[in-house]
C-alpha atoms as a PDB file:
ATOM      1  CA  UNK A   1       0.000   0.000   0.000  1.00  0.00           C
ATOM      2  CA  UNK A   2       1.384   3.417  -0.984  1.00  0.00           C
ATOM      3  CA  UNK A   3       1.533   6.345   1.423  1.00  0.00           C
ATOM      4  CA  UNK A   4       0.767  10.032   1.105  1.00  0.00           C
ATOM      5  CA  UNK A   5       3.969  11.908   0.296  1.00  0.00           C
ATOM      6  CA  UNK A   6       3.083  14.622   2.783  1.00  0.00           C
ATOM      7  CA  UNK A   7       1.568  12.980   5.861  1.00  0.00           C
ATOM      8  CA  UNK A   8       2.724   9.368   5.287  1.00  0.00           C
ATOM      9  CA  UNK A   9      -0.773   8.045   5.867  1.00  0.00           C
ATOM     10  CA  UNK A  10      -1.892   5.115   3.682  1.00  0.00           C
ATOM     11  CA  UNK A  11      -3.574   6.142   0.442  1.00  0.00           C
ATOM     12  CA  UNK A  12      -6.973   4.507   0.513  1.00  0.00           C
ATOM     13  CA  UNK A  13      -7.866   5.607  -2.972  1.00  0.00           C
ATOM     14  CA  UNK A  14     -10.077   3.181  -4.903  1.00  0.00           C
ATOM     15  CA  UNK A  15      -8.615   2.564  -8.366  1.00  0.00           C
ATOM     16  CA  UNK A  16     -10.769   3.879 -11.192  1.00  0.00           C
ATOM     17  CA  UNK A  17     -11.062   2.269 -14.604  1.00  0.00           C
ATOM     18  CA  UNK A  18      -8.873   5.103 -15.955  1.00  0.00           C
ATOM     19  CA  UNK A  19      -6.062   4.347 -13.514  1.00  0.00           C
ATOM     20  CA  UNK A  20      -6.313   0.608 -14.231  1.00  0.00           C
ATOM     21  CA  UNK A  21      -5.873   1.351 -17.941  1.00  0.00           C
ATOM     22  CA  UNK A  22      -3.022   3.798 -17.146  1.00  0.00           C
ATOM     23  CA  UNK A  23      -5.070   6.686 -18.534  1.00  0.00           C
ATOM     24  CA  UNK A  24      -5.154   8.402 -15.163  1.00  0.00           C
ATOM     25  CA  UNK A  25      -2.222   8.574 -12.786  1.00  0.00           C
ATOM     26  CA  UNK A  26      -2.768   7.445  -9.177  1.00  0.00           C
ATOM     27  CA  UNK A  27      -2.768  10.164  -6.481  1.00  0.00           C
ATOM     28  CA  UNK A  28       0.444  10.997  -4.656  1.00  0.00           C
ATOM     29  CA  UNK A  29      -1.119  12.703  -1.656  1.00  0.00           C
ATOM     30  CA  UNK A  30      -4.245  11.932   0.338  1.00  0.00           C
ATOM     31  CA  UNK A  31      -7.530  13.800   0.012  1.00  0.00           C
ATOM     32  CA  UNK A  32      -7.071  15.395   3.435  1.00  0.00           C
ATOM     33  CA  UNK A  33      -3.732  16.950   2.474  1.00  0.00           C
ATOM     34  CA  UNK A  34      -4.989  17.984  -0.951  1.00  0.00           C
ATOM     35  CA  UNK A  35      -7.985  19.810   0.523  1.00  0.00           C
ATOM     36  CA  UNK A  36      -5.688  22.001   2.602  1.00  0.00           C
ATOM     37  CA  UNK A  37      -4.257  23.705  -0.480  1.00  0.00           C
ATOM     38  CA  UNK A  38      -6.094  26.851  -1.537  1.00  0.00           C
ATOM     39  CA  UNK A  39      -6.363  27.595  -5.242  1.00  0.00           C
ATOM     40  CA  UNK A  40      -5.630  31.081  -6.523  1.00  0.00           C
ATOM     41  CA  UNK A  41      -8.246  32.308  -8.983  1.00  0.00           C
ATOM     42  CA  UNK A  42      -6.828  35.769  -9.700  1.00  0.00           C
ATOM     43  CA  UNK A  43      -4.292  36.773 -12.319  1.00  0.00           C
ATOM     44  CA  UNK A  44      -1.758  39.464 -11.455  1.00  0.00           C
ATOM     45  CA  UNK A  45      -1.390  42.574 -13.592  1.00  0.00           C
ATOM     46  CA  UNK A  46       2.167  43.785 -14.049  1.00  0.00           C
ATOM     47  CA  UNK A  47       3.804  46.622 -15.941  1.00  0.00           C
ATOM     48  CA  UNK A  48       6.560  44.394 -17.370  1.00  0.00           C
ATOM     49  CA  UNK A  49       5.130  40.866 -17.414  1.00  0.00           C
ATOM     50  CA  UNK A  50       2.194  40.588 -19.802  1.00  0.00           C
ATOM     51  CA  UNK A  51       0.354  37.992 -17.695  1.00  0.00           C
ATOM     52  CA  UNK A  52       1.061  36.322 -14.352  1.00  0.00           C
ATOM     53  CA  UNK A  53      -0.787  33.124 -13.449  1.00  0.00           C
ATOM     54  CA  UNK A  54      -0.337  31.559 -10.003  1.00  0.00           C
ATOM     55  CA  UNK A  55      -2.018  28.261  -9.176  1.00  0.00           C
ATOM     56  CA  UNK A  56      -2.216  28.282  -5.372  1.00  0.00           C
ATOM     57  CA  UNK A  57      -2.045  30.727  -2.461  1.00  0.00           C
ATOM     58  CA  UNK A  58       0.709  30.615   0.132  1.00  0.00           C
ATOM     59  CA  UNK A  59      -1.213  29.197   3.078  1.00  0.00           C
ATOM     60  CA  UNK A  60       0.154  27.042   5.908  1.00  0.00           C
ATOM     61  CA  UNK A  61      -0.174  23.800   3.965  1.00  0.00           C
ATOM     62  CA  UNK A  62       1.697  25.224   0.987  1.00  0.00           C
ATOM     63  CA  UNK A  63       4.400  26.660   3.235  1.00  0.00           C
ATOM     64  CA  UNK A  64       4.971  23.193   4.697  1.00  0.00           C
ATOM     65  CA  UNK A  65       5.037  21.634   1.229  1.00  0.00           C
ATOM     66  CA  UNK A  66       7.541  24.163  -0.112  1.00  0.00           C
ATOM     67  CA  UNK A  67       9.849  23.759   2.867  1.00  0.00           C
ATOM     68  CA  UNK A  68       9.854  19.985   2.530  1.00  0.00           C
ATOM     69  CA  UNK A  69      10.359  20.124  -1.225  1.00  0.00           C
ATOM     70  CA  UNK A  70      13.032  22.830  -1.481  1.00  0.00           C
ATOM     71  CA  UNK A  71      14.909  22.829   1.790  1.00  0.00           C
ATOM     72  CA  UNK A  72      14.539  19.230   2.939  1.00  0.00           C
ATOM     73  CA  UNK A  73      15.322  18.134  -0.649  1.00  0.00           C
ATOM     74  CA  UNK A  74      12.310  15.853  -1.031  1.00  0.00           C
ATOM     75  CA  UNK A  75      12.432  15.807  -4.817  1.00  0.00           C
ATOM     76  CA  UNK A  76       9.535  13.328  -5.074  1.00  0.00           C
ATOM     77  CA  UNK A  77       7.212  16.184  -4.119  1.00  0.00           C
ATOM     78  CA  UNK A  78       7.842  17.800  -7.498  1.00  0.00           C
ATOM     79  CA  UNK A  79       5.153  15.528  -8.908  1.00  0.00           C
ATOM     80  CA  UNK A  80       2.355  16.569  -6.531  1.00  0.00           C
ATOM     81  CA  UNK A  81       1.113  19.429  -8.717  1.00  0.00           C
ATOM     82  CA  UNK A  82       2.137  18.082 -12.120  1.00  0.00           C
ATOM     83  CA  UNK A  83      -1.438  17.875 -13.418  1.00  0.00           C
ATOM     84  CA  UNK A  84      -2.102  21.528 -12.560  1.00  0.00           C
ATOM     85  CA  UNK A  85       1.118  22.726 -14.153  1.00  0.00           C
ATOM     86  CA  UNK A  86       0.615  20.554 -17.207  1.00  0.00           C
ATOM     87  CA  UNK A  87      -2.879  21.917 -17.716  1.00  0.00           C
ATOM     88  CA  UNK A  88      -1.899  25.585 -17.474  1.00  0.00           C
ATOM     89  CA  UNK A  89       1.487  25.487 -19.179  1.00  0.00           C
ATOM     90  CA  UNK A  90       0.427  23.049 -21.866  1.00  0.00           C
ATOM     91  CA  UNK A  91      -2.430  25.288 -22.976  1.00  0.00           C
ATOM     92  CA  UNK A  92      -0.441  28.510 -22.726  1.00  0.00           C
ATOM     93  CA  UNK A  93       2.569  27.220 -24.636  1.00  0.00           C
ATOM     94  CA  UNK A  94       0.436  25.602 -27.331  1.00  0.00           C
ATOM     95  CA  UNK A  95      -1.697  28.724 -27.767  1.00  0.00           C
ATOM     96  CA  UNK A  96       1.207  31.060 -28.464  1.00  0.00           C
ATOM     97  CA  UNK A  97       3.920  28.573 -29.496  1.00  0.00           C
ATOM     98  CA  UNK A  98       5.854  29.951 -26.553  1.00  0.00           C
ATOM     99  CA  UNK A  99       9.158  28.851 -25.093  1.00  0.00           C
ATOM    100  CA  UNK A 100       8.932  27.821 -21.435  1.00  0.00           C
ATOM    101  CA  UNK A 101      11.819  29.189 -19.359  1.00  0.00           C
ATOM    102  CA  UNK A 102      12.459  28.144 -15.744  1.00  0.00           C
ATOM    103  CA  UNK A 103      13.829  30.783 -13.380  1.00  0.00           C
ATOM    104  CA  UNK A 104      17.339  29.444 -12.772  1.00  0.00           C
ATOM    105  CA  UNK A 105      19.255  28.891  -9.556  1.00  0.00           C
ATOM    106  CA  UNK A 106      22.831  30.009  -9.112  1.00  0.00           C
ATOM    107  CA  UNK A 107      25.098  27.000  -9.903  1.00  0.00           C
ATOM    108  CA  UNK A 108      26.575  26.985  -6.396  1.00  0.00           C
ATOM    109  CA  UNK A 109      23.135  26.943  -4.769  1.00  0.00           C
ATOM    110  CA  UNK A 110      21.950  24.195  -7.119  1.00  0.00           C
ATOM    111  CA  UNK A 111      24.961  22.097  -6.142  1.00  0.00           C
ATOM    112  CA  UNK A 112      24.220  22.635  -2.451  1.00  0.00           C
ATOM    113  CA  UNK A 113      20.534  21.715  -2.853  1.00  0.00           C
ATOM    114  CA  UNK A 114      21.342  18.815  -5.236  1.00  0.00           C
ATOM    115  CA  UNK A 115      18.586  19.717  -7.714  1.00  0.00           C
ATOM    116  CA  UNK A 116      16.969  22.696  -9.436  1.00  0.00           C
ATOM    117  CA  UNK A 117      13.476  22.748  -7.951  1.00  0.00           C
ATOM    118  CA  UNK A 118      11.725  24.667 -10.756  1.00  0.00           C
ATOM    119  CA  UNK A 119      13.166  22.377 -13.403  1.00  0.00           C
ATOM    120  CA  UNK A 120      12.034  19.356 -11.391  1.00  0.00           C
ATOM    121  CA  UNK A 121       8.479  20.735 -11.340  1.00  0.00           C
ATOM    122  CA  UNK A 122       8.569  21.014 -15.140  1.00  0.00           C
ATOM    123  CA  UNK A 123      10.117  17.587 -15.629  1.00  0.00           C
ATOM    124  CA  UNK A 124       7.446  15.960 -13.458  1.00  0.00           C
ATOM    125  CA  UNK A 125       4.745  17.687 -15.494  1.00  0.00           C
ATOM    126  CA  UNK A 126       6.347  16.581 -18.793  1.00  0.00           C
ATOM    127  CA  UNK A 127       6.685  20.200 -19.917  1.00  0.00           C
ATOM    128  CA  UNK A 128       9.387  20.946 -22.456  1.00  0.00           C
ATOM    129  CA  UNK A 129      11.540  23.889 -21.426  1.00  0.00           C
ATOM    130  CA  UNK A 130      14.700  25.705 -22.454  1.00  0.00           C
ATOM    131  CA  UNK A 131      17.389  26.993 -20.089  1.00  0.00           C
ATOM    132  CA  UNK A 132      17.634  30.451 -21.587  1.00  0.00           C
ATOM    133  CA  UNK A 133      18.800  32.343 -18.499  1.00  0.00           C
ATOM    134  CA  UNK A 134      21.505  31.941 -15.913  1.00  0.00           C
ATOM    135  CA  UNK A 135      21.628  33.559 -12.490  1.00  0.00           C
ATOM    136  CA  UNK A 136      24.690  35.667 -11.807  1.00  0.00           C
ATOM    137  CA  UNK A 137      24.136  36.508  -8.129  1.00  0.00           C
ATOM    138  CA  UNK A 138      24.230  34.063  -5.238  1.00  0.00           C
ATOM    139  CA  UNK A 139      22.134  36.146  -2.824  1.00  0.00           C
ATOM    140  CA  UNK A 140      18.681  34.838  -1.977  1.00  0.00           C
ATOM    141  CA  UNK A 141      15.831  37.198  -2.803  1.00  0.00           C
ATOM    142  CA  UNK A 142      13.807  35.748   0.049  1.00  0.00           C
ATOM    143  CA  UNK A 143      16.144  37.291   2.623  1.00  0.00           C
ATOM    144  CA  UNK A 144      15.918  40.827   1.233  1.00  0.00           C
ATOM    145  CA  UNK A 145      13.426  43.630   1.787  1.00  0.00           C
ATOM    146  CA  UNK A 146      11.377  44.972  -1.096  1.00  0.00           C
ATOM    147  CA  UNK A 147      13.637  48.023  -1.351  1.00  0.00           C
ATOM    148  CA  UNK A 148      16.768  45.884  -1.365  1.00  0.00           C
ATOM    149  CA  UNK A 149      15.312  43.707  -4.119  1.00  0.00           C
ATOM    150  CA  UNK A 150      14.515  46.719  -6.276  1.00  0.00           C
ATOM    151  CA  UNK A 151      17.998  48.171  -5.810  1.00  0.00           C
ATOM    152  CA  UNK A 152      19.863  44.999  -6.710  1.00  0.00           C
ATOM    153  CA  UNK A 153      21.922  44.834  -9.858  1.00  0.00           C
ATOM    154  CA  UNK A 154      20.963  42.534 -12.713  1.00  0.00           C
ATOM    155  CA  UNK A 155      20.048  39.091 -11.399  1.00  0.00           C
ATOM    156  CA  UNK A 156      20.306  37.193 -14.674  1.00  0.00           C
ATOM    157  CA  UNK A 157      21.936  37.114 -18.053  1.00  0.00           C
ATOM    158  CA  UNK A 158      21.019  35.344 -21.274  1.00  0.00           C
ATOM    159  CA  UNK A 159      23.165  32.253 -21.784  1.00  0.00           C
ATOM    160  CA  UNK A 160      25.858  32.700 -24.401  1.00  0.00           C
ATOM    161  CA  UNK A 161      24.470  29.865 -26.544  1.00  0.00           C
ATOM    162  CA  UNK A 162      20.921  31.267 -26.603  1.00  0.00           C
ATOM    163  CA  UNK A 163      19.359  33.779 -28.989  1.00  0.00           C
ATOM    164  CA  UNK A 164      16.099  35.429 -27.903  1.00  0.00           C
ATOM    165  CA  UNK A 165      13.538  35.315 -30.689  1.00  0.00           C
ATOM    166  CA  UNK A 166      10.713  37.829 -31.331  1.00  0.00           C
ATOM    167  CA  UNK A 167       8.117  35.532 -29.787  1.00  0.00           C
ATOM    168  CA  UNK A 168       6.415  34.688 -26.476  1.00  0.00           C
ATOM    169  CA  UNK A 169       8.343  33.319 -23.511  1.00  0.00           C
ATOM    170  CA  UNK A 170       6.737  31.882 -20.382  1.00  0.00           C
ATOM    171  CA  UNK A 171       8.769  32.225 -17.205  1.00  0.00           C
ATOM    172  CA  UNK A 172       8.156  29.597 -14.526  1.00  0.00           C
ATOM    173  CA  UNK A 173       8.968  29.957 -10.832  1.00  0.00           C
ATOM    174  CA  UNK A 174       7.826  28.322  -7.618  1.00  0.00           C
ATOM    175  CA  UNK A 175       6.508  31.434  -5.856  1.00  0.00           C
ATOM    176  CA  UNK A 176       5.447  34.984  -6.758  1.00  0.00           C
ATOM    177  CA  UNK A 177       5.966  37.374  -3.844  1.00  0.00           C
ATOM    178  CA  UNK A 178       6.812  40.937  -4.862  1.00  0.00           C
ATOM    179  CA  UNK A 179       7.394  39.960  -8.478  1.00  0.00           C
ATOM    180  CA  UNK A 180      10.922  41.384  -8.535  1.00  0.00           C
ATOM    181  CA  UNK A 181      12.612  38.178  -9.693  1.00  0.00           C
ATOM    182  CA  UNK A 182      10.149  37.572 -12.518  1.00  0.00           C
ATOM    183  CA  UNK A 183      10.154  41.232 -13.499  1.00  0.00           C
ATOM    184  CA  UNK A 184      13.937  41.304 -13.810  1.00  0.00           C
ATOM    185  CA  UNK A 185      13.897  38.181 -15.963  1.00  0.00           C
ATOM    186  CA  UNK A 186      11.061  39.505 -18.128  1.00  0.00           C
ATOM    187  CA  UNK A 187      12.843  42.828 -18.643  1.00  0.00           C
ATOM    188  CA  UNK A 188      16.005  41.037 -19.747  1.00  0.00           C
ATOM    189  CA  UNK A 189      14.090  38.875 -22.227  1.00  0.00           C
ATOM    190  CA  UNK A 190      12.271  41.855 -23.717  1.00  0.00           C
ATOM    191  CA  UNK A 191      15.482  43.860 -23.990  1.00  0.00           C
ATOM    192  CA  UNK A 192      16.975  40.887 -25.855  1.00  0.00           C
ATOM    193  CA  UNK A 193      14.090  40.728 -28.342  1.00  0.00           C
ATOM    194  CA  UNK A 194      11.107  38.853 -26.852  1.00  0.00           C
ATOM    195  CA  UNK A 195       7.773  40.337 -27.962  1.00  0.00           C
ATOM    196  CA  UNK A 196       5.759  39.005 -25.016  1.00  0.00           C
ATOM    197  CA  UNK A 197       6.654  37.528 -21.639  1.00  0.00           C
ATOM    198  CA  UNK A 198       4.177  35.688 -19.416  1.00  0.00           C
ATOM    199  CA  UNK A 199       4.785  33.992 -16.088  1.00  0.00           C
ATOM    200  CA  UNK A 200       3.373  30.939 -14.335  1.00  0.00           C
ATOM    201  CA  UNK A 201       4.100  30.217 -10.691  1.00  0.00           C
ATOM    202  CA  UNK A 202       2.958  27.416  -8.431  1.00  0.00           C
ATOM    203  CA  UNK A 203       2.276  29.787  -5.530  1.00  0.00           C
ATOM    204  CA  UNK A 204       1.139  33.379  -5.004  1.00  0.00           C
ATOM    205  CA  UNK A 205       2.164  34.848  -1.661  1.00  0.00           C
ATOM    206  CA  UNK A 206      -0.556  37.093  -0.225  1.00  0.00           C
END
């Protein structure tokens, strides 16, 4: 018997005919844990990013999930929200023939954490993406005030082997707080030639 990836309780899910035929994937978390996540129904309006879509709000359950996934390095949790990400990103990318771009980690931080969490979210959702950007500062945005974030130098640069096309790019990150990280990345892409930049995040902090 499999267990919920969050609370370790047995999953008592009754297999459906879709799951038996491998049309539908079995659940990874129990119904109790799933019900604690709060969906975000609003889209953010931004002066630089053309559209920001966040799937869930940053409530207590999501805070616990993110801590376990990112900081306790529980990479299996990347698959918990794969259906949601696949639904949103699949439609958005197909609609505009966009290139999906994960917000990168600094190489040293990725080595310390052992995996790039945003890329793992995309891999679990079977979303094709391109590593267009690279982070050039090691500082964590989460430890800075809003003013400090705004006053920081450039956070990213376009990789030397990438050419930005006059098309739509969709930035993907785990959490949207002040929007500074996504805004810096979107500005860089537009300066390099992108005609439209959207963003999709798993979480929207209130």
